[in-house]
N, C-alpha and C. Protein backbone atom coordinates (compact mmCIF):
# COMPACT_ATOMS: atom_id res chain seq x y z
N UNK A 1 3.01 -22.32 -1.05
CA UNK A 1 3.77 -21.82 -2.24
C UNK A 1 5.14 -20.88 -1.87
N UNK A 2 5.90 -20.97 -2.67
CA UNK A 2 7.04 -20.23 -2.43
C UNK A 2 7.69 -19.86 -3.64
N UNK A 3 8.60 -18.49 -3.66
CA UNK A 3 9.36 -18.05 -5.09
C UNK A 3 10.21 -17.21 -4.67
N UNK A 4 10.96 -16.77 -5.40
CA UNK A 4 11.80 -15.80 -5.75
C UNK A 4 11.91 -14.97 -6.78
N UNK A 5 11.74 -13.76 -6.77
CA UNK A 5 11.69 -12.72 -7.77
C UNK A 5 12.74 -11.62 -8.05
N UNK A 6 13.39 -11.51 -8.69
CA UNK A 6 14.46 -10.24 -8.96
C UNK A 6 13.69 -9.18 -9.74
N UNK A 7 13.96 -7.99 -9.01
CA UNK A 7 13.27 -6.79 -9.36
C UNK A 7 14.60 -5.97 -9.63
N UNK A 8 14.55 -5.17 -10.86
CA UNK A 8 15.93 -4.54 -11.29
C UNK A 8 15.12 -3.08 -11.51
N UNK A 9 16.04 -2.09 -10.53
CA UNK A 9 15.52 -0.43 -10.56
C UNK A 9 16.87 0.13 -10.86
N UNK A 10 16.80 0.43 -11.97
CA UNK A 10 18.12 1.13 -12.43
C UNK A 10 18.00 2.57 -12.31
N UNK A 11 16.76 3.11 -11.63
CA UNK A 11 16.61 4.74 -11.66
C UNK A 11 17.38 5.16 -10.58
N UNK A 12 17.88 6.43 -10.43
CA UNK A 12 18.12 7.17 -9.27
C UNK A 12 16.83 7.63 -8.60
N UNK A 13 17.08 8.02 -7.16
CA UNK A 13 16.14 8.53 -6.58
C UNK A 13 15.85 7.64 -5.33
N UNK A 14 14.35 7.59 -4.80
CA UNK A 14 14.01 7.04 -4.00
C UNK A 14 13.01 5.74 -4.15
N UNK A 15 12.33 5.83 -5.26
CA UNK A 15 11.69 4.59 -5.91
C UNK A 15 12.26 3.17 -5.33
N UNK A 16 11.36 2.37 -4.77
CA UNK A 16 11.71 1.16 -4.17
C UNK A 16 12.04 0.14 -5.40
N UNK A 17 10.88 0.23 -6.23
CA UNK A 17 11.06 -0.93 -7.28
C UNK A 17 11.24 -0.29 -8.80
N UNK A 18 11.59 -1.16 -9.81
CA UNK A 18 11.76 -0.71 -11.14
C UNK A 18 10.72 -1.75 -11.69
N UNK A 19 10.61 -1.36 -13.21
CA UNK A 19 9.56 -2.34 -13.89
C UNK A 19 10.03 -3.65 -14.31
N UNK A 20 11.38 -4.00 -14.54
CA UNK A 20 11.68 -5.33 -14.97
C UNK A 20 11.64 -6.17 -13.82
N UNK A 21 11.08 -7.50 -13.93
CA UNK A 21 11.24 -8.48 -13.00
C UNK A 21 11.35 -9.82 -13.41
N UNK A 22 12.11 -10.68 -12.80
CA UNK A 22 12.38 -12.02 -13.37
C UNK A 22 12.19 -13.07 -12.22
N UNK A 23 11.00 -14.07 -12.21
CA UNK A 23 11.13 -15.07 -11.53
C UNK A 23 12.33 -16.03 -11.65
N UNK A 24 12.90 -16.00 -10.42
CA UNK A 24 14.14 -17.13 -10.45
C UNK A 24 13.80 -18.27 -9.86
N UNK A 25 12.74 -18.40 -8.95
CA UNK A 25 12.56 -19.66 -8.52
C UNK A 25 10.86 -19.93 -8.03
N UNK A 26 10.36 -20.74 -8.29
CA UNK A 26 8.98 -21.09 -7.94
C UNK A 26 8.06 -20.16 -8.49
N UNK A 27 7.14 -19.67 -7.50
CA UNK A 27 5.97 -18.76 -8.12
C UNK A 27 6.41 -17.23 -8.02
N UNK A 28 5.94 -16.71 -8.80
CA UNK A 28 6.04 -15.15 -8.98
C UNK A 28 5.01 -14.44 -7.95
N UNK A 29 4.01 -15.23 -7.43
CA UNK A 29 3.22 -14.81 -6.63
C UNK A 29 2.91 -15.89 -5.03
N UNK A 30 2.29 -15.32 -4.01
CA UNK A 30 1.93 -16.07 -3.09
C UNK A 30 0.50 -15.77 -2.43
N UNK A 31 -0.16 -16.62 -1.95
CA UNK A 31 -1.28 -16.41 -1.41
C UNK A 31 -1.31 -16.42 0.25
N UNK A 32 -2.00 -15.67 0.94
CA UNK A 32 -1.99 -15.41 2.30
C UNK A 32 -3.39 -15.12 2.94
N UNK A 33 -3.75 -15.39 4.07
CA UNK A 33 -4.59 -14.93 4.71
C UNK A 33 -4.53 -14.02 5.90
N UNK A 34 -5.31 -12.98 6.08
CA UNK A 34 -5.13 -11.88 6.98
C UNK A 34 -6.66 -11.62 7.51
N UNK A 35 -6.86 -11.85 8.62
CA UNK A 35 -8.27 -11.81 9.05
C UNK A 35 -9.16 -12.60 8.21
N UNK A 36 -10.35 -12.22 7.68
CA UNK A 36 -11.30 -13.25 7.08
C UNK A 36 -10.77 -13.23 5.44
N UNK A 37 -9.88 -12.25 5.01
CA UNK A 37 -9.45 -12.09 3.51
C UNK A 37 -8.20 -13.08 3.14
N UNK A 38 -8.66 -13.47 2.28
CA UNK A 38 -7.61 -14.38 1.36
C UNK A 38 -7.36 -13.65 0.11
N UNK A 39 -5.82 -13.37 0.29
CA UNK A 39 -5.37 -12.50 -0.77
C UNK A 39 -4.18 -13.14 -1.77
N UNK A 40 -3.83 -12.49 -2.64
CA UNK A 40 -2.71 -13.09 -3.67
C UNK A 40 -1.59 -11.76 -3.71
N UNK A 41 -0.34 -12.01 -3.27
CA UNK A 41 0.56 -10.93 -3.18
C UNK A 41 1.61 -11.07 -4.47
N UNK A 42 1.99 -10.16 -5.11
CA UNK A 42 3.13 -10.11 -5.85
C UNK A 42 4.07 -9.48 -5.20
N UNK A 43 5.53 -9.41 -5.97
CA UNK A 43 6.55 -8.72 -5.35
C UNK A 43 6.40 -7.37 -5.07
N UNK A 44 5.28 -6.58 -5.59
CA UNK A 44 5.13 -5.28 -5.43
C UNK A 44 3.72 -4.84 -4.78
N UNK A 45 3.12 -5.71 -3.98
CA UNK A 45 1.99 -5.68 -3.41
C UNK A 45 2.34 -5.40 -2.11
N UNK A 46 1.58 -4.32 -1.42
CA UNK A 46 1.61 -4.09 -0.02
C UNK A 46 0.92 -4.84 0.84
N UNK A 47 1.62 -5.20 2.05
CA UNK A 47 0.97 -6.17 2.92
C UNK A 47 1.63 -6.20 4.11
N UNK A 48 0.77 -5.72 5.39
CA UNK A 48 1.37 -5.79 6.70
C UNK A 48 2.06 -7.23 7.00
N UNK A 49 2.90 -7.13 7.73
CA UNK A 49 3.69 -8.35 8.09
C UNK A 49 3.32 -8.88 9.26
N UNK A 50 2.65 -8.19 9.97
CA UNK A 50 2.02 -8.77 11.08
C UNK A 50 0.73 -9.17 11.11
N UNK A 51 0.49 -10.50 10.56
CA UNK A 51 -0.88 -10.83 10.25
C UNK A 51 -2.13 -10.64 11.42
N UNK A 52 -1.52 -11.09 12.64
CA UNK A 52 -2.52 -10.77 13.90
C UNK A 52 -2.89 -9.56 13.96
N UNK A 53 -2.03 -8.59 14.46
CA UNK A 53 -2.51 -7.16 14.58
C UNK A 53 -3.14 -6.57 13.40
N UNK A 54 -2.56 -6.76 12.32
CA UNK A 54 -3.44 -6.34 10.89
C UNK A 54 -4.75 -6.78 10.91
N UNK A 55 -4.87 -8.29 11.24
CA UNK A 55 -6.03 -8.58 11.35
C UNK A 55 -7.22 -8.11 12.24
N UNK A 56 -6.60 -7.72 13.34
CA UNK A 56 -7.58 -6.94 14.39
C UNK A 56 -7.93 -5.59 13.83
N UNK A 57 -6.90 -5.21 13.49
CA UNK A 57 -7.14 -3.64 12.64
C UNK A 57 -8.43 -3.88 11.79
N UNK A 58 -8.31 -4.68 10.86
CA UNK A 58 -9.50 -5.21 9.79
C UNK A 58 -10.59 -5.58 10.51
N UNK A 59 -10.56 -6.05 11.51
CA UNK A 59 -11.78 -6.59 12.02
C UNK A 59 -12.44 -5.21 12.72
N UNK A 60 -11.62 -4.43 13.26
CA UNK A 60 -12.15 -3.32 13.81
C UNK A 60 -12.87 -2.49 12.75
N UNK A 61 -12.32 -2.35 11.79
CA UNK A 61 -13.02 -1.33 10.61
C UNK A 61 -14.27 -2.08 10.09
N UNK A 62 -14.08 -3.48 10.20
CA UNK A 62 -15.48 -4.18 9.59
C UNK A 62 -16.55 -3.87 10.78
N UNK A 63 -16.18 -3.90 12.04
CA UNK A 63 -17.15 -3.83 13.29
C UNK A 63 -17.97 -2.34 13.15
N UNK A 64 -16.99 -1.47 12.90
CA UNK A 64 -17.53 0.18 12.59
C UNK A 64 -18.44 0.16 11.55
N UNK A 65 -18.00 -0.62 10.54
CA UNK A 65 -18.80 -0.70 9.12
C UNK A 65 -20.09 -1.25 9.42
N UNK A 66 -20.24 -2.51 10.24
CA UNK A 66 -21.38 -3.01 10.24
C UNK A 66 -22.25 -2.27 11.13
N UNK A 67 -21.84 -1.42 12.06
CA UNK A 67 -22.67 -0.28 12.80
C UNK A 67 -23.62 0.62 12.13
N UNK A 68 -23.00 0.67 10.71
CA UNK A 68 -23.74 1.63 9.74
C UNK A 68 -25.02 1.13 9.37
N UNK A 69 -25.05 -0.37 9.28
CA UNK A 69 -26.48 -0.90 8.77
C UNK A 69 -26.09 -1.28 7.38
N UNK A 70 -27.12 -0.60 6.50
CA UNK A 70 -27.30 -1.02 4.82
C UNK A 70 -25.89 -0.33 4.51
N UNK A 71 -25.16 -0.77 3.63
CA UNK A 71 -23.88 -0.30 2.81
C UNK A 71 -24.01 -0.33 1.49
N UNK A 72 -24.13 0.60 0.80
CA UNK A 72 -24.16 0.48 -0.59
C UNK A 72 -22.92 0.27 -1.33
N UNK A 73 -22.15 1.31 -0.94
CA UNK A 73 -20.65 1.61 -1.53
C UNK A 73 -19.58 1.96 -0.59
N UNK A 74 -18.57 1.11 -0.59
CA UNK A 74 -17.25 1.21 0.08
C UNK A 74 -16.01 1.61 -0.55
N UNK A 75 -15.27 2.77 -0.56
CA UNK A 75 -14.15 2.82 -1.27
C UNK A 75 -12.92 2.86 -0.33
N UNK A 76 -12.20 1.94 -0.77
CA UNK A 76 -10.97 1.30 0.00
C UNK A 76 -9.88 2.10 -0.82
N UNK A 77 -9.29 3.37 -0.23
CA UNK A 77 -8.13 3.95 -1.09
C UNK A 77 -6.89 3.59 -0.71
N UNK A 78 -5.78 3.52 -1.39
CA UNK A 78 -4.34 3.03 -1.14
C UNK A 78 -4.67 1.59 -0.74
N UNK A 79 -5.39 0.63 -1.66
CA UNK A 79 -5.85 -0.43 -1.19
C UNK A 79 -4.69 -1.55 -0.96
N UNK A 80 -3.47 -1.24 -1.81
CA UNK A 80 -2.50 -2.64 -1.65
C UNK A 80 -3.10 -3.77 -2.43
N UNK A 81 -3.00 -4.91 -1.45
CA UNK A 81 -3.14 -6.24 -2.07
C UNK A 81 -4.76 -6.82 -1.92
N UNK A 82 -5.45 -5.44 -1.19
CA UNK A 82 -6.86 -5.71 -1.17
C UNK A 82 -7.38 -6.41 0.11
N UNK A 83 -6.64 -6.81 1.23
CA UNK A 83 -6.96 -7.35 2.36
C UNK A 83 -8.15 -6.55 2.96
N UNK A 84 -8.27 -5.45 3.15
CA UNK A 84 -9.22 -4.15 3.73
C UNK A 84 -10.64 -4.51 2.87
N UNK A 85 -10.37 -4.29 1.53
CA UNK A 85 -11.67 -4.37 0.73
C UNK A 85 -12.35 -5.69 0.82
N UNK A 86 -11.59 -6.78 0.58
CA UNK A 86 -12.21 -8.05 0.74
C UNK A 86 -12.52 -8.27 2.35
N UNK A 87 -12.09 -7.97 3.24
CA UNK A 87 -12.99 -7.80 4.29
C UNK A 87 -13.85 -7.30 4.55
N UNK A 88 -14.37 -6.28 3.93
CA UNK A 88 -15.81 -5.52 3.64
C UNK A 88 -16.60 -5.92 2.78
N UNK A 89 -16.01 -6.72 1.91
CA UNK A 89 -16.84 -7.10 0.90
C UNK A 89 -18.45 -7.74 1.09
N UNK A 90 -18.52 -8.72 2.42
CA UNK A 90 -19.57 -9.22 2.69
C UNK A 90 -20.63 -8.24 3.28
N UNK A 91 -20.54 -6.89 3.49
CA UNK A 91 -20.89 -5.91 4.35
C UNK A 91 -21.55 -4.99 3.35
N UNK A 92 -21.18 -4.87 2.02
CA UNK A 92 -21.59 -3.69 0.86
C UNK A 92 -22.02 -4.34 -0.17
N UNK A 93 -22.79 -3.69 -1.05
CA UNK A 93 -23.15 -4.03 -2.28
C UNK A 93 -21.91 -4.11 -3.22
N UNK A 94 -20.92 -2.73 -3.17
CA UNK A 94 -20.18 -2.58 -3.92
C UNK A 94 -18.90 -2.32 -2.95
N UNK A 95 -17.56 -2.72 -3.24
CA UNK A 95 -16.44 -2.25 -2.99
C UNK A 95 -15.47 -1.66 -3.83
N UNK A 96 -15.29 -0.23 -4.16
CA UNK A 96 -14.29 0.18 -5.05
C UNK A 96 -12.90 0.34 -4.41
N UNK A 97 -11.69 -0.39 -4.73
CA UNK A 97 -10.65 -0.45 -4.29
C UNK A 97 -9.59 0.18 -5.23
N UNK A 98 -8.92 1.24 -4.76
CA UNK A 98 -8.14 2.14 -5.60
C UNK A 98 -6.66 2.03 -5.09
N UNK A 99 -5.68 1.59 -6.42
CA UNK A 99 -4.46 1.24 -5.92
C UNK A 99 -3.87 1.85 -6.82
N UNK A 100 -2.65 2.71 -6.59
CA UNK A 100 -1.79 3.14 -7.47
C UNK A 100 -0.69 2.74 -8.01
N UNK A 101 -0.60 1.41 -7.33
CA UNK A 101 0.51 0.78 -7.97
C UNK A 101 0.22 -0.28 -8.96
N UNK A 102 0.33 -0.24 -10.56
CA UNK A 102 -0.20 -1.12 -11.34
C UNK A 102 0.04 -2.81 -11.08
N UNK A 103 1.36 -3.12 -10.71
CA UNK A 103 1.69 -4.37 -10.64
C UNK A 103 0.67 -5.22 -9.63
N UNK A 104 0.51 -4.19 -8.41
CA UNK A 104 -0.07 -4.67 -7.12
C UNK A 104 -1.74 -4.78 -7.63
N UNK A 105 -2.00 -3.95 -8.41
CA UNK A 105 -3.53 -3.99 -8.51
C UNK A 105 -4.04 -5.14 -9.62
N UNK A 106 -2.96 -5.49 -10.49
CA UNK A 106 -2.94 -6.64 -11.57
C UNK A 106 -3.05 -7.73 -10.88
N UNK A 107 -2.35 -8.11 -9.98
CA UNK A 107 -2.20 -9.22 -8.94
C UNK A 107 -3.71 -9.54 -8.55
N UNK A 108 -4.03 -8.43 -8.04
CA UNK A 108 -5.33 -8.48 -7.06
C UNK A 108 -6.44 -8.50 -8.15
N UNK A 109 -6.18 -8.08 -9.35
CA UNK A 109 -7.67 -8.29 -10.13
C UNK A 109 -7.67 -9.77 -10.69
N UNK A 110 -6.51 -10.14 -10.91
CA UNK A 110 -6.25 -11.55 -11.62
C UNK A 110 -6.89 -12.63 -10.70
N UNK A 111 -6.65 -12.37 -9.24
CA UNK A 111 -6.76 -13.42 -8.41
C UNK A 111 -8.47 -13.23 -8.25
N UNK A 112 -9.05 -12.20 -8.21
CA UNK A 112 -10.36 -11.99 -8.03
C UNK A 112 -11.17 -12.53 -9.33
N UNK A 113 -10.47 -12.22 -10.41
CA UNK A 113 -11.06 -12.98 -11.67
C UNK A 113 -11.28 -14.63 -11.58
N UNK A 114 -10.47 -15.39 -10.79
CA UNK A 114 -10.28 -16.73 -10.74
C UNK A 114 -11.28 -17.30 -9.53
N UNK A 115 -11.93 -16.30 -8.84
CA UNK A 115 -13.14 -16.73 -7.69
C UNK A 115 -14.38 -16.87 -8.34
N UNK A 116 -15.16 -17.70 -7.83
CA UNK A 116 -16.76 -18.18 -8.16
C UNK A 116 -17.39 -16.84 -7.95
N UNK A 117 -18.35 -17.04 -8.83
CA UNK A 117 -19.19 -15.84 -8.68
C UNK A 117 -20.13 -15.55 -7.43
N UNK A 118 -20.16 -16.71 -6.40
CA UNK A 118 -20.79 -16.48 -5.09
C UNK A 118 -19.73 -15.97 -4.31
N UNK A 119 -18.94 -15.67 -4.49
CA UNK A 119 -17.60 -15.05 -3.39
C UNK A 119 -18.08 -13.71 -3.12
N UNK A 120 -17.85 -13.20 -1.92
CA UNK A 120 -18.19 -11.79 -1.77
C UNK A 120 -17.22 -10.82 -2.35
N UNK A 121 -16.12 -11.45 -2.39
CA UNK A 121 -15.10 -10.74 -3.27
C UNK A 121 -15.26 -10.68 -4.73
N UNK A 122 -16.07 -10.94 -4.89
CA UNK A 122 -16.65 -10.54 -6.61
C UNK A 122 -17.39 -8.92 -6.62
N UNK A 123 -17.79 -8.47 -5.14
CA UNK A 123 -18.20 -7.31 -5.19
C UNK A 123 -17.21 -6.38 -4.94
N UNK A 124 -15.95 -6.88 -4.99
CA UNK A 124 -14.78 -5.68 -5.10
C UNK A 124 -14.38 -5.37 -6.40
N UNK A 125 -14.22 -4.35 -6.75
CA UNK A 125 -13.87 -3.58 -8.42
C UNK A 125 -12.48 -2.92 -8.00
N UNK A 126 -11.37 -3.33 -8.66
CA UNK A 126 -9.95 -2.64 -8.37
C UNK A 126 -9.84 -1.66 -9.65
N UNK A 127 -9.23 -0.55 -9.26
CA UNK A 127 -9.01 0.34 -10.17
C UNK A 127 -7.45 0.76 -10.07
N UNK A 128 -6.67 1.23 -11.17
CA UNK A 128 -5.65 1.77 -10.91
C UNK A 128 -5.49 2.87 -11.10
N UNK A 129 -4.71 3.57 -10.29
CA UNK A 129 -4.49 5.18 -10.65
C UNK A 129 -4.23 6.15 -9.55
N UNK A 130 -4.40 7.22 -9.82
CA UNK A 130 -4.29 8.44 -8.69
C UNK A 130 -5.81 8.56 -7.88
N UNK A 131 -5.11 8.28 -6.39
CA UNK A 131 -6.21 8.14 -5.81
C UNK A 131 -7.37 9.40 -5.62
N UNK A 132 -6.94 10.26 -5.74
CA UNK A 132 -7.73 11.79 -5.60
C UNK A 132 -8.63 11.45 -6.90
N UNK A 133 -7.87 11.51 -8.40
CA UNK A 133 -8.70 11.14 -9.40
C UNK A 133 -9.85 10.20 -9.33
N UNK A 134 -9.42 8.97 -8.92
CA UNK A 134 -10.49 8.06 -9.06
C UNK A 134 -11.71 8.29 -7.95
N UNK A 135 -11.24 8.75 -6.48
CA UNK A 135 -12.18 9.30 -5.59
C UNK A 135 -13.28 10.38 -6.55
N UNK A 136 -12.81 11.35 -7.02
CA UNK A 136 -13.83 12.07 -7.60
C UNK A 136 -14.73 11.50 -8.58
N UNK A 137 -14.32 10.37 -9.20
CA UNK A 137 -15.45 9.69 -10.04
C UNK A 137 -16.12 8.66 -9.66
N UNK A 138 -16.13 8.85 -8.21
CA UNK A 138 -16.94 7.49 -7.25
C UNK A 138 -18.22 8.00 -7.05
N UNK A 139 -18.69 9.29 -7.08
CA UNK A 139 -19.87 9.71 -6.81
C UNK A 139 -20.41 10.06 -5.41
N UNK A 140 -20.39 8.80 -4.74
CA UNK A 140 -20.97 8.87 -3.28
C UNK A 140 -20.48 7.87 -2.46
N UNK A 141 -20.30 7.34 -1.51
CA UNK A 141 -19.80 6.30 -0.69
C UNK A 141 -20.13 6.68 0.77
N UNK A 142 -20.89 5.35 1.14
CA UNK A 142 -21.06 5.13 2.72
C UNK A 142 -19.88 5.08 3.78
N UNK A 143 -19.09 4.40 3.21
CA UNK A 143 -17.52 4.44 3.93
C UNK A 143 -16.43 4.31 2.97
N UNK A 144 -15.76 5.24 3.83
CA UNK A 144 -14.28 5.30 2.90
C UNK A 144 -13.11 5.15 3.91
N UNK A 145 -12.14 4.13 3.43
CA UNK A 145 -11.04 3.78 3.85
C UNK A 145 -9.80 4.13 3.45
N UNK A 146 -9.00 4.95 4.22
CA UNK A 146 -7.80 5.59 3.70
C UNK A 146 -6.75 4.65 4.69
N UNK A 147 -5.81 3.97 3.61
CA UNK A 147 -4.34 3.39 4.39
C UNK A 147 -3.49 3.69 3.63
N UNK A 148 -2.84 4.91 3.84
CA UNK A 148 -1.77 5.63 2.82
C UNK A 148 -0.39 5.11 3.50
N UNK A 149 0.56 5.24 2.52
CA UNK A 149 1.78 4.85 3.05
C UNK A 149 2.40 5.90 3.99
N UNK A 150 3.38 6.09 4.63
CA UNK A 150 4.25 6.84 5.64
C UNK A 150 3.82 8.33 5.52
N UNK A 151 4.21 8.76 4.11
CA UNK A 151 3.71 10.04 3.91
C UNK A 151 2.52 10.87 4.13
N UNK A 152 1.34 9.87 4.23
CA UNK A 152 0.15 10.14 4.35
C UNK A 152 -0.82 10.43 3.02
N UNK A 153 -1.89 11.09 3.11
CA UNK A 153 -2.66 11.38 1.71
C UNK A 153 -2.10 12.27 1.16
N UNK A 154 -2.09 12.25 -0.21
CA UNK A 154 -1.89 13.43 -1.18
C UNK A 154 -2.64 14.82 -0.98
N UNK A 155 -2.19 15.99 -1.01
CA UNK A 155 -2.95 16.97 -0.71
C UNK A 155 -4.54 17.15 -0.86
N UNK A 156 -4.89 16.43 -2.20
CA UNK A 156 -6.25 16.66 -2.90
C UNK A 156 -6.82 15.64 -2.24
N UNK A 157 -6.51 14.49 -1.67
CA UNK A 157 -7.57 13.34 -1.28
C UNK A 157 -8.40 13.77 -0.15
N UNK A 158 -8.09 14.52 0.98
CA UNK A 158 -9.12 14.85 2.04
C UNK A 158 -10.42 15.51 1.21
N UNK A 159 -10.32 16.41 0.41
CA UNK A 159 -11.40 17.26 -0.14
C UNK A 159 -12.29 16.36 -1.05
N UNK A 160 -11.34 15.28 -1.79
CA UNK A 160 -12.17 14.31 -2.51
C UNK A 160 -13.06 13.27 -1.71
N UNK A 161 -12.39 12.93 -0.44
CA UNK A 161 -13.28 12.19 0.37
C UNK A 161 -14.53 12.87 0.83
N UNK A 162 -14.24 14.10 1.39
CA UNK A 162 -15.66 15.05 1.91
C UNK A 162 -16.58 15.10 0.80
N UNK A 163 -16.12 14.98 -0.56
CA UNK A 163 -17.32 15.34 -1.56
C UNK A 163 -17.97 14.01 -1.95
N UNK A 164 -17.45 13.02 -1.29
CA UNK A 164 -18.19 11.66 -1.32
C UNK A 164 -19.33 11.64 -0.28
N UNK A 165 -19.40 12.61 0.52
CA UNK A 165 -20.25 12.72 1.73
C UNK A 165 -20.38 11.17 2.31
N UNK A 166 -19.26 10.70 3.18
CA UNK A 166 -19.49 9.33 3.50
C UNK A 166 -20.03 9.62 5.09
N UNK A 167 -20.56 8.61 5.26
CA UNK A 167 -21.08 8.32 6.68
C UNK A 167 -20.21 7.90 7.77
N UNK A 168 -19.21 7.43 7.34
CA UNK A 168 -18.02 6.98 8.01
C UNK A 168 -16.65 6.98 7.21
N UNK A 169 -15.33 7.74 7.84
CA UNK A 169 -14.37 7.22 7.35
C UNK A 169 -13.26 6.54 8.30
N UNK A 170 -12.54 5.69 7.85
CA UNK A 170 -11.71 4.81 8.68
C UNK A 170 -10.25 4.93 8.15
N UNK A 171 -9.59 5.55 8.89
CA UNK A 171 -7.95 6.14 8.76
C UNK A 171 -6.96 5.15 9.30
N UNK A 172 -6.24 4.18 8.51
CA UNK A 172 -5.52 3.25 9.09
C UNK A 172 -4.22 3.95 8.76
N UNK A 173 -3.24 4.35 9.96
CA UNK A 173 -2.02 5.04 9.47
C UNK A 173 -0.98 4.51 10.11
N UNK A 174 0.15 4.51 9.61
CA UNK A 174 1.65 4.07 10.05
C UNK A 174 2.48 5.03 10.63
N UNK A 175 2.00 6.25 10.44
CA UNK A 175 2.78 7.40 10.77
C UNK A 175 1.94 8.60 11.57
N UNK A 176 2.04 8.52 12.93
CA UNK A 176 1.33 9.61 13.62
C UNK A 176 1.43 11.03 13.22
N UNK A 177 2.63 11.53 12.53
CA UNK A 177 2.80 12.82 12.16
C UNK A 177 1.83 13.18 10.82
N UNK A 178 1.85 12.38 10.15
CA UNK A 178 1.22 12.37 8.94
C UNK A 178 -0.54 12.20 9.04
N UNK A 179 -0.55 11.29 9.92
CA UNK A 179 -2.29 11.02 10.60
C UNK A 179 -2.74 12.56 11.16
N UNK A 180 -2.11 12.87 12.28
CA UNK A 180 -2.56 14.08 12.94
C UNK A 180 -2.70 15.47 11.51
N UNK A 181 -1.60 15.58 10.54
CA UNK A 181 -1.93 16.46 9.57
C UNK A 181 -3.08 16.12 8.66
N UNK A 182 -3.33 14.95 8.25
CA UNK A 182 -4.64 14.69 7.65
C UNK A 182 -5.92 14.89 8.21
N UNK A 183 -5.85 14.28 9.66
CA UNK A 183 -7.22 14.58 10.32
C UNK A 183 -7.31 16.21 10.68
N UNK A 184 -6.52 16.94 10.55
CA UNK A 184 -6.99 18.45 10.76
C UNK A 184 -7.51 18.73 9.32
N UNK A 185 -6.95 18.06 8.38
CA UNK A 185 -7.33 18.58 6.73
C UNK A 185 -8.76 18.06 6.71
N UNK A 186 -8.99 17.16 7.15
CA UNK A 186 -10.52 16.41 7.28
C UNK A 186 -11.50 17.02 8.10
N UNK A 187 -10.87 17.58 9.14
CA UNK A 187 -11.77 18.13 10.17
C UNK A 187 -12.13 19.79 9.50
N UNK A 188 -11.30 20.32 8.95
CA UNK A 188 -11.71 21.39 8.53
C UNK A 188 -12.56 21.48 7.14
N UNK A 189 -13.03 20.20 6.80
CA UNK A 189 -13.78 19.82 5.64
C UNK A 189 -15.11 19.19 6.38
N UNK A 190 -15.27 19.37 7.62
CA UNK A 190 -16.47 18.53 8.51
C UNK A 190 -16.21 17.41 8.75
N UNK A 191 -15.14 16.70 8.68
CA UNK A 191 -15.54 15.23 9.21
C UNK A 191 -14.25 15.23 10.32
N UNK A 192 -14.93 14.94 11.58
CA UNK A 192 -14.35 15.04 12.82
C UNK A 192 -13.93 13.57 13.36
N UNK A 193 -12.78 13.53 14.06
CA UNK A 193 -12.37 12.16 14.67
C UNK A 193 -13.28 11.74 15.60
N UNK A 194 -13.75 10.81 15.64
CA UNK A 194 -14.63 10.20 16.74
C UNK A 194 -13.59 9.16 17.73
N UNK A 195 -12.58 8.86 17.25
CA UNK A 195 -11.78 8.05 18.26
C UNK A 195 -10.54 7.61 17.71
N UNK A 196 -9.28 7.24 18.40
CA UNK A 196 -8.17 6.55 17.59
C UNK A 196 -7.76 5.63 18.44
N UNK A 197 -7.50 4.45 17.58
CA UNK A 197 -7.24 3.01 18.32
C UNK A 197 -5.45 2.87 17.92
N UNK A 198 -4.79 2.55 18.91
CA UNK A 198 -3.35 2.34 18.64
C UNK A 198 -3.27 0.78 18.44
N UNK A 199 -2.29 0.35 17.50
CA UNK A 199 -1.78 -1.25 17.20
C UNK A 199 -0.29 -1.23 17.26
N UNK A 200 0.14 -2.22 17.99
CA UNK A 200 1.40 -2.24 17.95
C UNK A 200 1.76 -3.44 16.90
N UNK A 201 1.83 -2.92 15.81
CA UNK A 201 2.16 -3.74 14.54
C UNK A 201 3.47 -4.23 14.32
N UNK A 202 4.48 -3.35 14.96
CA UNK A 202 5.91 -3.87 15.04
C UNK A 202 6.40 -3.78 16.34
N UNK A 203 6.26 -4.91 16.98
CA UNK A 203 6.72 -5.04 18.38
C UNK A 203 8.10 -4.88 18.43
N UNK A 204 8.43 -4.22 19.58
CA UNK A 204 9.88 -4.17 20.07
C UNK A 204 10.51 -2.76 18.80
N UNK A 205 9.76 -2.00 18.40
CA UNK A 205 10.17 -0.83 17.64
C UNK A 205 9.42 0.40 18.19
N UNK A 206 9.95 1.56 17.87
CA UNK A 206 9.01 2.93 18.19
C UNK A 206 7.86 3.12 17.55
N UNK A 207 7.70 2.10 16.25
CA UNK A 207 6.50 2.43 15.58
C UNK A 207 5.25 2.00 16.12
N UNK A 208 4.17 2.96 15.62
CA UNK A 208 2.86 2.20 16.14
C UNK A 208 1.83 2.68 14.78
N UNK A 209 1.03 1.61 14.56
CA UNK A 209 -0.23 2.26 13.72
C UNK A 209 -1.16 2.50 14.27
N UNK A 210 -2.14 3.35 13.53
CA UNK A 210 -3.32 3.98 14.45
C UNK A 210 -4.42 3.85 13.52
N UNK A 211 -5.61 3.49 14.11
CA UNK A 211 -6.94 3.55 13.30
C UNK A 211 -7.89 4.85 14.03
N UNK A 212 -8.26 5.83 13.12
CA UNK A 212 -9.15 6.61 13.29
C UNK A 212 -10.23 6.45 12.61
N UNK A 213 -11.47 6.80 13.32
CA UNK A 213 -12.79 6.72 12.80
C UNK A 213 -13.30 8.03 12.92
N UNK A 214 -13.87 8.46 11.63
CA UNK A 214 -14.16 9.98 11.34
C UNK A 214 -15.66 10.01 10.95
N UNK A 215 -16.43 11.13 11.33
CA UNK A 215 -17.80 11.22 10.81
C UNK A 215 -17.92 12.75 10.88
N UNK A 216 -19.31 13.21 10.05
CA UNK A 216 -19.88 14.48 10.45
C UNK A 216 -20.52 14.59 11.68
N UNK A 217 -20.51 15.52 12.15
CA UNK A 217 -21.27 15.86 13.67
C UNK A 217 -22.64 16.27 13.45
């Protein structure tokens, strides 16, 4: 499935995308597989380019989740195309996937709506909007996954995470500096780092992704 989409951004500033989009050739979306998850991607859907390494990170998150035993609710914050949320769906009664980009969220919702009722992905519920605001509405979660952009979590997010009283937090980061800042904020709220696993997601570059697992002591 191939396609070319023209996105028009007439705004000044550092926004990557504008609202107007025009499919020029083929399909406006593509489907891909990362680890156990089948996802649909639009032009504004976040997706790790290195499938093999990203799949390993998703596998490590799922393994840590499986160690929790029975899981009632998972929250996947900054969910993107939903790869992590869909990977965790077989392990939980419900997965709440929070994504701030409306176009990416709409693409993921449409894809889930087309799948059969027996699919584990039907346990995933996508919501669009500010991560901290939606975390505050969840109530409680056994596992919270954070996969923010390079700037890290918004200032209100660590406290919103702590208020969910999670048994485990999995933080997948593409920026060691913002990761260190956010881990310190979570530690002040009683969530301490158990360990960090680095991933060479972008080979032959100085960049590294890292998965931190946190829990209360």
